[in-house]
Amino acid sequence: MYFSEAFKLMESGLKVKLPSWGGYWYWSKEKKTIIMHTKDGIEMDIRETQVPEYTFKNIASDDWIVADEKNCPELGGENTFSFGEAIKYLKRGFKVARKGWNGKGIYLEMYSPEVNLETIAEAVHNAWWEEKKKQGVTDHPDMIPYSELSEEVKEYDRVTARTTIEAFNYMTHSFIYINTTGLQTENPYAPKNKVPWTPSQTDMLAEDWVFAN
């Protein structure tokens, strides 16, 4: 929900939070202000915030929820959510995991490849240039920096770059990977690496997704 709705709920006596929070906010009728109850149990008047840009960013969020004993650690609950919400948080840069997974230290993260066609095309050109120099060629008209090449020659390098991307199976779109490098297990043969991840039916229907520390 938007903060405008969350604020009305606070005025009615409810506590609210953002999904990733361990604490919550509530309205103090006595002080006539919002009190921020942190994950460490510290309470602070919102007007005394030491990081205003962070507070303003929170207010601008549309992810506000009612804080209760089920979803708020400071009220005795735990932050758990559905797979759909997990995807949303991955896109925002959070790390997530399932409570039901065996072993500690396993989590998912989204990676956005920085495969830039122009960068690879320039690398292709530079490699060609180096090869020509090894062959003793010094006077080829295209032996100049990539930025100074004609558009026709650049397009030739781009075609080669596209072929290179396909040949090496570069991922050009964001993807989710599972990170097991910090896996805590007694199994000495357990793999510890980062690999692209595909969810199972169980994962997609699970409601025990949590934020990974």
N, C-alpha and C. Protein backbone atom coordinates (compact mmCIF):
# COMPACT_ATOMS: atom_id res chain seq x y z
N MET A 1 0.84 -1.19 0.00
CA MET A 1 0.00 0.00 0.00
C MET A 1 0.88 1.25 0.00
N TYR A 2 0.31 2.37 -0.39
CA TYR A 2 1.03 3.63 -0.38
C TYR A 2 1.09 4.18 1.04
N PHE A 3 2.03 5.11 1.26
CA PHE A 3 2.21 5.64 2.60
C PHE A 3 0.98 6.39 3.08
N SER A 4 0.24 7.01 2.17
CA SER A 4 -0.97 7.74 2.57
C SER A 4 -1.95 6.81 3.27
N GLU A 5 -2.05 5.57 2.77
CA GLU A 5 -2.93 4.58 3.40
C GLU A 5 -2.32 4.10 4.71
N ALA A 6 -1.00 3.88 4.68
CA ALA A 6 -0.31 3.42 5.88
C ALA A 6 -0.44 4.44 7.01
N PHE A 7 -0.38 5.71 6.65
CA PHE A 7 -0.48 6.77 7.65
C PHE A 7 -1.85 6.75 8.33
N LYS A 8 -2.90 6.55 7.54
CA LYS A 8 -4.25 6.47 8.11
C LYS A 8 -4.36 5.30 9.08
N LEU A 9 -3.72 4.19 8.72
CA LEU A 9 -3.75 3.01 9.60
C LEU A 9 -3.00 3.29 10.89
N MET A 10 -1.89 4.02 10.79
CA MET A 10 -1.15 4.38 12.00
C MET A 10 -2.00 5.26 12.90
N GLU A 11 -2.70 6.21 12.30
CA GLU A 11 -3.56 7.09 13.09
C GLU A 11 -4.67 6.32 13.78
N SER A 12 -5.05 5.18 13.18
CA SER A 12 -6.12 4.37 13.78
C SER A 12 -5.58 3.44 14.87
N GLY A 13 -4.25 3.44 15.05
CA GLY A 13 -3.66 2.63 16.12
C GLY A 13 -2.84 1.44 15.67
N LEU A 14 -2.76 1.19 14.36
CA LEU A 14 -1.99 0.05 13.87
C LEU A 14 -0.53 0.42 13.65
N LYS A 15 0.30 -0.59 13.59
CA LYS A 15 1.72 -0.41 13.29
C LYS A 15 1.94 -0.81 11.83
N VAL A 16 2.87 -0.15 11.16
CA VAL A 16 3.15 -0.46 9.76
C VAL A 16 4.66 -0.61 9.55
N LYS A 17 5.00 -1.23 8.43
CA LYS A 17 6.41 -1.46 8.12
C LYS A 17 6.58 -1.71 6.63
N LEU A 18 7.81 -1.71 6.18
CA LEU A 18 8.15 -2.19 4.85
C LEU A 18 8.54 -3.66 5.00
N PRO A 19 8.31 -4.48 3.98
CA PRO A 19 8.52 -5.93 4.10
C PRO A 19 9.88 -6.36 4.63
N SER A 20 10.94 -5.63 4.29
CA SER A 20 12.28 -6.04 4.70
C SER A 20 12.63 -5.64 6.13
N TRP A 21 11.79 -4.86 6.77
CA TRP A 21 12.12 -4.34 8.10
C TRP A 21 11.94 -5.37 9.21
N GLY A 22 12.79 -5.20 10.24
CA GLY A 22 12.61 -6.00 11.45
C GLY A 22 11.80 -5.21 12.46
N GLY A 23 11.74 -3.88 12.27
CA GLY A 23 11.00 -3.01 13.17
C GLY A 23 9.73 -2.49 12.52
N TYR A 24 9.23 -1.35 13.00
CA TYR A 24 7.97 -0.81 12.48
C TYR A 24 7.85 0.66 12.83
N TRP A 25 6.84 1.31 12.28
CA TRP A 25 6.49 2.69 12.61
C TRP A 25 5.09 2.70 13.22
N TYR A 26 4.87 3.65 14.12
CA TYR A 26 3.52 3.82 14.67
C TYR A 26 3.30 5.30 15.01
N TRP A 27 2.03 5.65 15.20
CA TRP A 27 1.68 7.03 15.50
C TRP A 27 1.54 7.21 17.00
N SER A 28 2.24 8.23 17.53
CA SER A 28 2.14 8.55 18.95
C SER A 28 1.12 9.67 19.13
N LYS A 29 -0.01 9.33 19.75
CA LYS A 29 -1.04 10.35 19.99
C LYS A 29 -0.54 11.39 20.98
N GLU A 30 0.29 10.94 21.91
CA GLU A 30 0.81 11.84 22.93
C GLU A 30 1.75 12.89 22.33
N LYS A 31 2.67 12.44 21.47
CA LYS A 31 3.64 13.36 20.87
C LYS A 31 3.18 13.92 19.53
N LYS A 32 2.07 13.34 19.02
CA LYS A 32 1.53 13.75 17.73
C LYS A 32 2.59 13.68 16.62
N THR A 33 3.21 12.54 16.53
CA THR A 33 4.24 12.32 15.52
C THR A 33 4.40 10.82 15.27
N ILE A 34 5.12 10.48 14.23
CA ILE A 34 5.42 9.08 13.93
C ILE A 34 6.65 8.67 14.72
N ILE A 35 6.57 7.52 15.35
CA ILE A 35 7.70 6.96 16.09
C ILE A 35 8.26 5.79 15.28
N MET A 36 9.56 5.82 15.05
CA MET A 36 10.23 4.73 14.34
C MET A 36 10.81 3.75 15.36
N HIS A 37 10.28 2.55 15.37
CA HIS A 37 10.77 1.49 16.27
C HIS A 37 11.71 0.62 15.44
N THR A 38 13.01 0.67 15.73
CA THR A 38 13.99 -0.03 14.90
C THR A 38 14.08 -1.51 15.24
N LYS A 39 14.80 -2.24 14.40
CA LYS A 39 14.99 -3.68 14.60
C LYS A 39 15.79 -3.97 15.87
N ASP A 40 16.47 -2.93 16.39
CA ASP A 40 17.26 -3.09 17.62
C ASP A 40 16.48 -2.66 18.85
N GLY A 41 15.20 -2.34 18.65
CA GLY A 41 14.37 -1.97 19.78
C GLY A 41 14.46 -0.51 20.19
N ILE A 42 15.16 0.29 19.40
CA ILE A 42 15.31 1.71 19.71
C ILE A 42 14.15 2.49 19.08
N GLU A 43 13.61 3.45 19.84
CA GLU A 43 12.51 4.26 19.32
C GLU A 43 12.98 5.69 19.09
N MET A 44 12.56 6.25 17.96
CA MET A 44 13.01 7.59 17.58
C MET A 44 11.88 8.36 16.90
N ASP A 45 11.76 9.62 17.28
CA ASP A 45 10.81 10.51 16.62
C ASP A 45 11.26 10.68 15.17
N ILE A 46 10.34 10.54 14.22
CA ILE A 46 10.72 10.63 12.81
C ILE A 46 11.36 11.97 12.48
N ARG A 47 11.04 13.00 13.27
CA ARG A 47 11.62 14.32 13.02
C ARG A 47 13.09 14.38 13.42
N GLU A 48 13.54 13.35 14.13
CA GLU A 48 14.94 13.31 14.57
C GLU A 48 15.78 12.36 13.72
N THR A 49 15.22 11.93 12.59
CA THR A 49 15.96 11.00 11.73
C THR A 49 17.33 11.56 11.35
N GLN A 50 18.34 10.69 11.38
CA GLN A 50 19.70 11.12 11.05
C GLN A 50 20.03 10.88 9.58
N VAL A 51 19.15 10.15 8.89
CA VAL A 51 19.36 9.89 7.46
C VAL A 51 18.07 10.26 6.72
N PRO A 52 17.82 11.55 6.55
CA PRO A 52 16.55 11.98 5.95
C PRO A 52 16.28 11.41 4.56
N GLU A 53 17.33 11.25 3.73
CA GLU A 53 17.10 10.73 2.38
C GLU A 53 16.55 9.30 2.42
N TYR A 54 17.01 8.52 3.42
CA TYR A 54 16.52 7.14 3.57
C TYR A 54 15.07 7.16 4.02
N THR A 55 14.75 8.05 4.95
CA THR A 55 13.38 8.17 5.46
C THR A 55 12.43 8.62 4.35
N PHE A 56 12.84 9.59 3.55
CA PHE A 56 12.01 10.07 2.45
C PHE A 56 11.79 8.96 1.41
N LYS A 57 12.82 8.17 1.17
CA LYS A 57 12.71 7.07 0.21
C LYS A 57 11.70 6.05 0.70
N ASN A 58 11.70 5.79 2.01
CA ASN A 58 10.73 4.86 2.58
C ASN A 58 9.30 5.38 2.43
N ILE A 59 9.13 6.66 2.70
CA ILE A 59 7.80 7.27 2.59
C ILE A 59 7.28 7.19 1.15
N ALA A 60 8.19 7.26 0.19
CA ALA A 60 7.80 7.21 -1.22
C ALA A 60 7.47 5.80 -1.71
N SER A 61 7.75 4.79 -0.88
CA SER A 61 7.51 3.40 -1.28
C SER A 61 6.01 3.08 -1.32
N ASP A 62 5.66 2.11 -2.15
CA ASP A 62 4.27 1.65 -2.20
C ASP A 62 4.15 0.22 -1.66
N ASP A 63 5.14 -0.18 -0.85
CA ASP A 63 5.17 -1.54 -0.31
C ASP A 63 4.78 -1.63 1.17
N TRP A 64 4.14 -0.62 1.69
CA TRP A 64 3.81 -0.62 3.12
C TRP A 64 2.81 -1.72 3.46
N ILE A 65 3.03 -2.35 4.60
CA ILE A 65 2.13 -3.40 5.08
C ILE A 65 1.88 -3.18 6.57
N VAL A 66 0.83 -3.79 7.08
CA VAL A 66 0.56 -3.73 8.52
C VAL A 66 1.55 -4.64 9.23
N ALA A 67 2.16 -4.15 10.28
CA ALA A 67 3.12 -4.94 11.06
C ALA A 67 2.37 -5.69 12.16
N ASP A 68 2.63 -6.99 12.26
CA ASP A 68 1.98 -7.78 13.30
C ASP A 68 2.92 -8.85 13.83
N GLU A 69 2.38 -9.72 14.69
CA GLU A 69 3.21 -10.74 15.33
C GLU A 69 3.63 -11.86 14.38
N LYS A 70 3.13 -11.83 13.16
CA LYS A 70 3.52 -12.86 12.18
C LYS A 70 4.64 -12.40 11.25
N ASN A 71 4.59 -11.12 10.86
CA ASN A 71 5.55 -10.66 9.85
C ASN A 71 6.61 -9.69 10.36
N CYS A 72 6.59 -9.37 11.63
CA CYS A 72 7.54 -8.39 12.17
C CYS A 72 8.39 -8.99 13.28
N PRO A 73 9.69 -9.14 13.08
CA PRO A 73 10.57 -9.71 14.10
C PRO A 73 10.48 -9.02 15.46
N GLU A 74 10.34 -7.70 15.48
CA GLU A 74 10.26 -6.98 16.75
C GLU A 74 8.96 -7.25 17.49
N LEU A 75 7.99 -7.84 16.79
CA LEU A 75 6.72 -8.20 17.43
C LEU A 75 6.61 -9.71 17.60
N GLY A 76 7.73 -10.41 17.38
CA GLY A 76 7.74 -11.86 17.56
C GLY A 76 7.56 -12.66 16.29
N GLY A 77 7.47 -11.99 15.15
CA GLY A 77 7.24 -12.70 13.89
C GLY A 77 8.49 -12.83 13.03
N GLU A 78 8.28 -13.09 11.77
CA GLU A 78 9.38 -13.26 10.83
C GLU A 78 8.96 -12.77 9.45
N ASN A 79 9.92 -12.19 8.73
CA ASN A 79 9.63 -11.70 7.38
C ASN A 79 9.60 -12.87 6.40
N THR A 80 8.43 -13.34 6.04
CA THR A 80 8.30 -14.39 5.01
C THR A 80 7.34 -13.89 3.93
N PHE A 81 7.54 -14.38 2.72
CA PHE A 81 6.71 -13.90 1.61
C PHE A 81 6.66 -14.94 0.50
N SER A 82 5.86 -14.66 -0.52
CA SER A 82 5.66 -15.59 -1.63
C SER A 82 6.79 -15.49 -2.66
N PHE A 83 6.78 -16.42 -3.61
CA PHE A 83 7.79 -16.41 -4.67
C PHE A 83 7.66 -15.16 -5.53
N GLY A 84 6.42 -14.74 -5.79
CA GLY A 84 6.20 -13.54 -6.58
C GLY A 84 6.85 -12.32 -5.93
N GLU A 85 6.71 -12.22 -4.61
CA GLU A 85 7.33 -11.11 -3.89
C GLU A 85 8.85 -11.26 -3.89
N ALA A 86 9.32 -12.52 -3.82
CA ALA A 86 10.76 -12.77 -3.84
C ALA A 86 11.38 -12.25 -5.13
N ILE A 87 10.69 -12.48 -6.25
CA ILE A 87 11.17 -11.99 -7.54
C ILE A 87 11.25 -10.46 -7.53
N LYS A 88 10.24 -9.84 -6.95
CA LYS A 88 10.21 -8.38 -6.89
C LYS A 88 11.40 -7.84 -6.10
N TYR A 89 11.70 -8.49 -4.98
CA TYR A 89 12.82 -8.04 -4.16
C TYR A 89 14.16 -8.32 -4.83
N LEU A 90 14.25 -9.43 -5.57
CA LEU A 90 15.48 -9.73 -6.31
C LEU A 90 15.77 -8.62 -7.31
N LYS A 91 14.72 -8.16 -7.98
CA LYS A 91 14.87 -7.10 -8.98
C LYS A 91 15.33 -5.80 -8.33
N ARG A 92 15.03 -5.65 -7.05
CA ARG A 92 15.42 -4.42 -6.35
C ARG A 92 16.79 -4.55 -5.68
N GLY A 93 17.43 -5.70 -5.87
CA GLY A 93 18.78 -5.86 -5.34
C GLY A 93 18.90 -6.63 -4.04
N PHE A 94 17.77 -7.12 -3.51
CA PHE A 94 17.83 -7.90 -2.27
C PHE A 94 18.29 -9.33 -2.55
N LYS A 95 18.83 -9.98 -1.53
CA LYS A 95 19.17 -11.41 -1.61
C LYS A 95 18.07 -12.16 -0.86
N VAL A 96 17.60 -13.26 -1.43
CA VAL A 96 16.52 -14.01 -0.79
C VAL A 96 16.87 -15.50 -0.73
N ALA A 97 16.17 -16.20 0.13
CA ALA A 97 16.36 -17.64 0.28
C ALA A 97 15.07 -18.24 0.81
N ARG A 98 15.01 -19.55 0.85
CA ARG A 98 13.86 -20.22 1.43
C ARG A 98 14.22 -20.80 2.79
N LYS A 99 13.31 -20.69 3.73
CA LYS A 99 13.55 -21.29 5.04
C LYS A 99 13.69 -22.80 4.93
N GLY A 100 12.99 -23.37 3.94
CA GLY A 100 12.98 -24.82 3.80
C GLY A 100 14.23 -25.42 3.17
N TRP A 101 15.16 -24.58 2.71
CA TRP A 101 16.36 -25.12 2.09
C TRP A 101 17.31 -25.71 3.11
N ASN A 102 17.93 -26.82 2.74
CA ASN A 102 18.92 -27.44 3.62
C ASN A 102 20.23 -26.65 3.55
N GLY A 103 20.87 -26.51 4.70
CA GLY A 103 22.15 -25.82 4.74
C GLY A 103 22.01 -24.32 4.88
N LYS A 104 22.92 -23.71 5.62
CA LYS A 104 22.92 -22.27 5.80
C LYS A 104 23.90 -21.64 4.81
N GLY A 105 23.67 -20.38 4.51
CA GLY A 105 24.59 -19.68 3.62
C GLY A 105 24.22 -19.77 2.16
N ILE A 106 23.05 -20.33 1.84
CA ILE A 106 22.59 -20.42 0.45
C ILE A 106 21.58 -19.31 0.20
N TYR A 107 21.75 -18.61 -0.91
CA TYR A 107 20.78 -17.56 -1.23
C TYR A 107 20.75 -17.30 -2.73
N LEU A 108 19.72 -16.58 -3.16
CA LEU A 108 19.57 -16.19 -4.56
C LEU A 108 19.88 -14.70 -4.71
N GLU A 109 20.36 -14.36 -5.87
CA GLU A 109 20.64 -12.96 -6.17
C GLU A 109 20.45 -12.76 -7.67
N MET A 110 20.06 -11.55 -8.05
CA MET A 110 19.90 -11.27 -9.48
C MET A 110 21.14 -10.57 -10.00
N TYR A 111 21.57 -11.00 -11.17
CA TYR A 111 22.77 -10.42 -11.79
C TYR A 111 22.39 -9.82 -13.14
N SER A 112 22.85 -8.61 -13.36
CA SER A 112 22.60 -7.95 -14.64
C SER A 112 23.91 -7.85 -15.41
N PRO A 113 24.09 -8.67 -16.44
CA PRO A 113 25.33 -8.68 -17.21
C PRO A 113 25.62 -7.32 -17.85
N GLU A 114 26.87 -7.00 -17.93
CA GLU A 114 27.28 -5.76 -18.57
C GLU A 114 27.90 -6.07 -19.93
N VAL A 115 27.15 -6.81 -20.73
CA VAL A 115 27.63 -7.16 -22.08
C VAL A 115 27.23 -6.03 -23.01
N ASN A 116 28.20 -5.24 -23.41
CA ASN A 116 27.96 -4.08 -24.26
C ASN A 116 28.52 -4.36 -25.65
N LEU A 117 27.65 -4.30 -26.65
CA LEU A 117 28.06 -4.62 -28.02
C LEU A 117 29.23 -3.76 -28.48
N GLU A 118 29.18 -2.46 -28.21
CA GLU A 118 30.25 -1.57 -28.65
C GLU A 118 31.57 -1.91 -27.97
N THR A 119 31.50 -2.28 -26.69
CA THR A 119 32.72 -2.63 -25.96
C THR A 119 33.38 -3.86 -26.57
N ILE A 120 32.54 -4.86 -26.89
CA ILE A 120 33.08 -6.09 -27.49
C ILE A 120 33.57 -5.83 -28.91
N ALA A 121 32.85 -4.99 -29.65
CA ALA A 121 33.28 -4.64 -31.01
C ALA A 121 34.64 -3.95 -30.98
N GLU A 122 34.83 -3.09 -29.99
CA GLU A 122 36.12 -2.41 -29.86
C GLU A 122 37.22 -3.40 -29.52
N ALA A 123 36.89 -4.38 -28.65
CA ALA A 123 37.87 -5.41 -28.29
C ALA A 123 38.23 -6.25 -29.51
N VAL A 124 37.23 -6.53 -30.35
CA VAL A 124 37.47 -7.29 -31.59
C VAL A 124 38.43 -6.51 -32.49
N HIS A 125 38.18 -5.21 -32.62
CA HIS A 125 39.04 -4.37 -33.46
C HIS A 125 40.47 -4.33 -32.92
N ASN A 126 40.60 -4.16 -31.60
CA ASN A 126 41.93 -4.09 -31.00
C ASN A 126 42.69 -5.40 -31.17
N ALA A 127 41.97 -6.54 -31.07
CA ALA A 127 42.61 -7.85 -31.26
C ALA A 127 43.10 -7.99 -32.70
N TRP A 128 42.28 -7.52 -33.63
CA TRP A 128 42.68 -7.56 -35.05
C TRP A 128 43.91 -6.69 -35.28
N TRP A 129 43.92 -5.52 -34.65
CA TRP A 129 45.04 -4.59 -34.77
C TRP A 129 46.33 -5.23 -34.26
N GLU A 130 46.25 -5.86 -33.09
CA GLU A 130 47.42 -6.52 -32.50
C GLU A 130 47.94 -7.63 -33.42
N GLU A 131 47.01 -8.38 -34.00
CA GLU A 131 47.41 -9.47 -34.90
C GLU A 131 48.13 -8.91 -36.14
N LYS A 132 47.63 -7.80 -36.66
CA LYS A 132 48.27 -7.18 -37.82
C LYS A 132 49.69 -6.73 -37.48
N LYS A 133 49.87 -6.18 -36.29
CA LYS A 133 51.20 -5.71 -35.88
C LYS A 133 52.17 -6.88 -35.75
N LYS A 134 51.64 -8.02 -35.25
CA LYS A 134 52.49 -9.21 -35.14
C LYS A 134 52.92 -9.69 -36.53
N GLN A 135 52.07 -9.44 -37.51
CA GLN A 135 52.37 -9.84 -38.89
C GLN A 135 53.28 -8.83 -39.59
N GLY A 136 53.62 -7.77 -38.89
CA GLY A 136 54.50 -6.76 -39.46
C GLY A 136 53.80 -5.69 -40.25
N VAL A 137 52.47 -5.70 -40.21
CA VAL A 137 51.71 -4.69 -40.95
C VAL A 137 51.64 -3.41 -40.12
N THR A 138 51.96 -2.30 -40.72
CA THR A 138 51.94 -1.02 -40.00
C THR A 138 51.17 0.08 -40.72
N ASP A 139 50.82 -0.17 -41.97
CA ASP A 139 50.21 0.91 -42.75
C ASP A 139 48.78 0.64 -43.21
N HIS A 140 48.10 -0.31 -42.53
CA HIS A 140 46.71 -0.57 -42.91
C HIS A 140 45.85 0.63 -42.51
N PRO A 141 44.96 1.10 -43.38
CA PRO A 141 44.16 2.30 -43.08
C PRO A 141 43.24 2.16 -41.86
N ASP A 142 42.91 0.92 -41.48
CA ASP A 142 42.02 0.74 -40.33
C ASP A 142 42.78 0.52 -39.02
N MET A 143 44.10 0.67 -39.07
CA MET A 143 44.89 0.52 -37.84
C MET A 143 44.89 1.85 -37.08
N ILE A 144 43.71 2.20 -36.61
CA ILE A 144 43.48 3.44 -35.85
C ILE A 144 42.51 3.11 -34.71
N PRO A 145 42.39 3.96 -33.71
CA PRO A 145 41.46 3.70 -32.61
C PRO A 145 40.04 3.44 -33.11
N TYR A 146 39.31 2.59 -32.42
CA TYR A 146 37.95 2.21 -32.82
C TYR A 146 37.05 3.42 -33.01
N SER A 147 37.20 4.40 -32.12
CA SER A 147 36.33 5.58 -32.19
C SER A 147 36.53 6.39 -33.47
N GLU A 148 37.67 6.20 -34.13
CA GLU A 148 37.97 6.96 -35.34
C GLU A 148 37.63 6.20 -36.63
N LEU A 149 37.15 4.97 -36.49
CA LEU A 149 36.82 4.16 -37.66
C LEU A 149 35.57 4.68 -38.36
N SER A 150 35.45 4.36 -39.62
CA SER A 150 34.23 4.71 -40.35
C SER A 150 33.09 3.84 -39.83
N GLU A 151 31.87 4.30 -40.02
CA GLU A 151 30.71 3.54 -39.54
C GLU A 151 30.63 2.18 -40.24
N GLU A 152 31.06 2.11 -41.47
CA GLU A 152 31.04 0.85 -42.21
C GLU A 152 31.96 -0.19 -41.57
N VAL A 153 33.15 0.23 -41.19
CA VAL A 153 34.10 -0.70 -40.55
C VAL A 153 33.62 -1.07 -39.15
N LYS A 154 33.06 -0.10 -38.44
CA LYS A 154 32.52 -0.38 -37.10
C LYS A 154 31.43 -1.45 -37.18
N GLU A 155 30.57 -1.34 -38.19
CA GLU A 155 29.48 -2.31 -38.34
C GLU A 155 30.04 -3.70 -38.60
N TYR A 156 31.13 -3.79 -39.33
CA TYR A 156 31.78 -5.08 -39.57
C TYR A 156 32.25 -5.68 -38.24
N ASP A 157 32.85 -4.84 -37.39
CA ASP A 157 33.30 -5.30 -36.07
C ASP A 157 32.12 -5.70 -35.19
N ARG A 158 30.99 -4.99 -35.33
CA ARG A 158 29.80 -5.32 -34.54
C ARG A 158 29.26 -6.69 -34.92
N VAL A 159 29.29 -7.00 -36.22
CA VAL A 159 28.84 -8.31 -36.68
C VAL A 159 29.70 -9.40 -36.05
N THR A 160 31.01 -9.18 -36.04
CA THR A 160 31.92 -10.14 -35.42
C THR A 160 31.65 -10.24 -33.92
N ALA A 161 31.34 -9.09 -33.30
CA ALA A 161 31.06 -9.07 -31.86
C ALA A 161 29.81 -9.88 -31.54
N ARG A 162 28.76 -9.73 -32.37
CA ARG A 162 27.52 -10.50 -32.15
C ARG A 162 27.80 -11.99 -32.25
N THR A 163 28.62 -12.38 -33.21
CA THR A 163 28.98 -13.79 -33.38
C THR A 163 29.74 -14.29 -32.15
N THR A 164 30.60 -13.44 -31.61
CA THR A 164 31.38 -13.79 -30.42
C THR A 164 30.45 -14.00 -29.22
N ILE A 165 29.48 -13.10 -29.08
CA ILE A 165 28.53 -13.21 -27.96
C ILE A 165 27.76 -14.53 -28.04
N GLU A 166 27.31 -14.89 -29.23
CA GLU A 166 26.57 -16.13 -29.41
C GLU A 166 27.47 -17.35 -29.22
N ALA A 167 28.70 -17.28 -29.73
CA ALA A 167 29.62 -18.42 -29.64
C ALA A 167 30.00 -18.74 -28.20
N PHE A 168 30.17 -17.70 -27.39
CA PHE A 168 30.57 -17.92 -26.01
C PHE A 168 29.37 -17.97 -25.07
N ASN A 169 28.15 -17.91 -25.65
CA ASN A 169 26.92 -18.04 -24.87
C ASN A 169 26.84 -17.00 -23.76
N TYR A 170 27.24 -15.77 -24.08
CA TYR A 170 27.13 -14.70 -23.10
C TYR A 170 25.66 -14.48 -22.75
N MET A 171 25.38 -14.23 -21.46
CA MET A 171 24.02 -13.88 -21.06
C MET A 171 23.90 -12.37 -21.19
N THR A 172 22.97 -11.94 -21.99
CA THR A 172 22.81 -10.51 -22.23
C THR A 172 21.64 -9.91 -21.46
N HIS A 173 20.89 -10.73 -20.74
CA HIS A 173 19.78 -10.24 -19.93
C HIS A 173 20.01 -10.61 -18.47
N SER A 174 19.32 -9.91 -17.59
CA SER A 174 19.44 -10.21 -16.16
C SER A 174 19.00 -11.64 -15.89
N PHE A 175 19.65 -12.28 -14.94
CA PHE A 175 19.27 -13.63 -14.57
C PHE A 175 19.50 -13.84 -13.07
N ILE A 176 18.82 -14.85 -12.53
CA ILE A 176 18.95 -15.18 -11.11
C ILE A 176 19.96 -16.31 -10.96
N TYR A 177 20.84 -16.17 -9.99
CA TYR A 177 21.78 -17.26 -9.72
C TYR A 177 21.70 -17.64 -8.24
N ILE A 178 22.07 -18.86 -7.96
CA ILE A 178 22.11 -19.33 -6.58
C ILE A 178 23.56 -19.31 -6.12
N ASN A 179 23.79 -18.74 -4.96
CA ASN A 179 25.14 -18.60 -4.42
C ASN A 179 25.30 -19.56 -3.25
N THR A 180 26.17 -20.54 -3.41
CA THR A 180 26.42 -21.51 -2.34
C THR A 180 27.86 -21.40 -1.84
N THR A 181 28.54 -20.29 -2.16
CA THR A 181 29.94 -20.15 -1.76
C THR A 181 30.09 -20.08 -0.24
N GLY A 182 29.04 -19.64 0.44
CA GLY A 182 29.11 -19.56 1.90
C GLY A 182 28.37 -20.69 2.59
N LEU A 183 28.09 -21.76 1.86
CA LEU A 183 27.34 -22.89 2.40
C LEU A 183 28.01 -23.49 3.64
N GLN A 184 27.24 -23.64 4.71
CA GLN A 184 27.73 -24.26 5.93
C GLN A 184 27.18 -25.68 5.99
N THR A 185 28.03 -26.64 5.77
CA THR A 185 27.60 -28.04 5.74
C THR A 185 28.74 -28.95 6.16
N GLU A 186 28.38 -30.13 6.63
CA GLU A 186 29.39 -31.11 7.01
C GLU A 186 29.77 -31.99 5.83
N ASN A 187 29.09 -31.80 4.71
CA ASN A 187 29.40 -32.58 3.51
C ASN A 187 30.58 -31.95 2.76
N PRO A 188 31.75 -32.57 2.77
CA PRO A 188 32.92 -31.99 2.11
C PRO A 188 32.80 -31.92 0.59
N TYR A 189 31.84 -32.65 0.03
CA TYR A 189 31.68 -32.69 -1.43
C TYR A 189 30.58 -31.75 -1.93
N ALA A 190 29.96 -31.04 -1.01
CA ALA A 190 28.88 -30.13 -1.41
C ALA A 190 29.45 -29.02 -2.29
N PRO A 191 28.83 -28.76 -3.45
CA PRO A 191 29.35 -27.72 -4.35
C PRO A 191 29.21 -26.32 -3.75
N LYS A 192 30.25 -25.53 -3.92
CA LYS A 192 30.22 -24.15 -3.45
C LYS A 192 30.58 -23.24 -4.62
N ASN A 193 29.56 -22.69 -5.23
CA ASN A 193 29.80 -21.85 -6.40
C ASN A 193 28.60 -20.95 -6.67
N LYS A 194 28.62 -20.29 -7.81
CA LYS A 194 27.51 -19.44 -8.26
C LYS A 194 27.06 -19.95 -9.62
N VAL A 195 25.81 -20.36 -9.73
CA VAL A 195 25.31 -20.88 -11.00
C VAL A 195 23.90 -20.35 -11.27
N PRO A 196 23.53 -20.17 -12.54
CA PRO A 196 22.16 -19.75 -12.87
C PRO A 196 21.16 -20.71 -12.23
N TRP A 197 20.05 -20.17 -11.77
CA TRP A 197 19.08 -20.96 -11.00
C TRP A 197 17.72 -20.97 -11.68
N THR A 198 17.09 -22.14 -11.68
CA THR A 198 15.74 -22.30 -12.19
C THR A 198 14.85 -22.82 -11.07
N PRO A 199 13.72 -22.18 -10.77
CA PRO A 199 12.87 -22.62 -9.67
C PRO A 199 12.11 -23.90 -9.98
N SER A 200 11.84 -24.65 -8.94
CA SER A 200 11.00 -25.84 -9.07
C SER A 200 9.56 -25.43 -8.80
N GLN A 201 8.62 -26.33 -9.04
CA GLN A 201 7.21 -26.05 -8.73
C GLN A 201 7.05 -25.74 -7.25
N THR A 202 7.79 -26.48 -6.42
CA THR A 202 7.72 -26.28 -4.97
C THR A 202 8.19 -24.88 -4.60
N ASP A 203 9.29 -24.44 -5.21
CA ASP A 203 9.82 -23.11 -4.94
C ASP A 203 8.80 -22.03 -5.32
N MET A 204 8.16 -22.19 -6.47
CA MET A 204 7.23 -21.17 -6.96
C MET A 204 5.95 -21.09 -6.12
N LEU A 205 5.59 -22.18 -5.47
CA LEU A 205 4.36 -22.19 -4.67
C LEU A 205 4.64 -21.95 -3.19
N ALA A 206 5.91 -21.88 -2.82
CA ALA A 206 6.28 -21.73 -1.41
C ALA A 206 5.95 -20.34 -0.87
N GLU A 207 5.64 -20.28 0.40
CA GLU A 207 5.35 -19.02 1.09
C GLU A 207 6.39 -18.76 2.17
N ASP A 208 7.51 -19.50 2.14
CA ASP A 208 8.51 -19.37 3.19
C ASP A 208 9.78 -18.65 2.71
N TRP A 209 9.62 -17.76 1.75
CA TRP A 209 10.77 -16.99 1.28
C TRP A 209 11.13 -15.93 2.30
N VAL A 210 12.42 -15.73 2.49
CA VAL A 210 12.90 -14.76 3.48
C VAL A 210 14.06 -13.96 2.89
N PHE A 211 14.39 -12.86 3.53
CA PHE A 211 15.55 -12.08 3.12
C PHE A 211 16.80 -12.75 3.66
N ALA A 212 17.82 -12.88 2.81
CA ALA A 212 19.08 -13.49 3.25
C ALA A 212 19.95 -12.40 3.85
N ASN A 213 20.62 -12.73 4.93
CA ASN A 213 21.48 -11.75 5.58
C ASN A 213 22.72 -11.51 4.73
